């Protein structure tokens, strides 16, 4: 059974339509530093390298 989020959380639509809420969310996403991205991609590369070693 599918239930709308707006039904479960009455303030969901209000938050979703609120520009300040959306700006705050997008600002939080942009605050990731370059080092965070490097760490993320290094972890990803290491994981792929391990998978390739296992495959060989």
Protein backbone atom coordinates (compact mmCIF):
# COMPACT_ATOMS: atom_id res chain seq x y z
CA UNK A 1 0.00 0.00 0.00
CA UNK A 2 1.45 3.35 -1.04
CA UNK A 3 0.98 6.34 1.23
CA UNK A 4 1.85 9.90 0.33
CA UNK A 5 4.53 11.56 2.43
CA UNK A 6 2.25 14.58 2.68
CA UNK A 7 -0.32 12.37 4.42
CA UNK A 8 2.15 11.00 6.97
CA UNK A 9 3.94 14.30 7.54
CA UNK A 10 1.56 17.27 7.16
CA UNK A 11 4.42 19.78 7.11
CA UNK A 12 6.20 17.89 4.32
CA UNK A 13 4.59 19.87 1.48
CA UNK A 14 5.06 23.14 3.32
CA UNK A 15 8.77 22.43 3.73
CA UNK A 16 9.08 21.23 0.17
CA UNK A 17 7.47 24.38 -1.22
CA UNK A 18 9.44 26.69 1.07
CA UNK A 19 12.27 28.33 -0.87
CA UNK A 20 14.34 28.92 2.26
CA UNK A 21 14.21 25.23 3.06
CA UNK A 22 15.39 24.33 -0.45
CA UNK A 23 18.15 26.94 -0.35
CA UNK A 24 19.36 25.59 2.97
CA UNK A 25 19.46 22.05 1.59
CA UNK A 26 21.37 23.06 -1.53
CA UNK A 27 23.80 25.16 0.53
CA UNK A 28 24.59 22.15 2.74
CA UNK A 29 25.36 20.08 -0.33
CA UNK A 30 27.75 22.71 -1.68
CA UNK A 31 29.68 22.91 1.59
CA UNK A 32 31.53 19.65 0.89
CA UNK A 33 35.19 20.43 0.59
CA UNK A 34 37.50 19.30 -2.15
CA UNK A 35 39.23 16.98 0.35
CA UNK A 36 35.91 15.25 1.02
CA UNK A 37 35.51 14.54 -2.68
CA UNK A 38 39.09 13.25 -2.89
CA UNK A 39 38.51 10.91 0.04
CA UNK A 40 35.28 9.65 -1.49
CA UNK A 41 36.85 8.91 -4.86
CA UNK A 42 39.96 7.38 -3.28
CA UNK A 43 37.74 4.98 -1.33
CA UNK A 44 35.85 4.17 -4.51
CA UNK A 45 39.09 3.58 -6.45
CA UNK A 46 40.49 1.36 -3.69
CA UNK A 47 37.30 -0.69 -3.65
CA UNK A 48 37.47 -1.15 -7.43
CA UNK A 49 41.15 -2.10 -7.21
CA UNK A 50 40.34 -4.75 -4.61
CA UNK A 51 37.53 -6.13 -6.77
CA UNK A 52 39.87 -6.32 -9.76
CA UNK A 53 42.51 -8.16 -7.68
CA UNK A 54 39.90 -10.68 -6.56
CA UNK A 55 38.73 -11.20 -10.15
CA UNK A 56 42.25 -11.94 -11.42
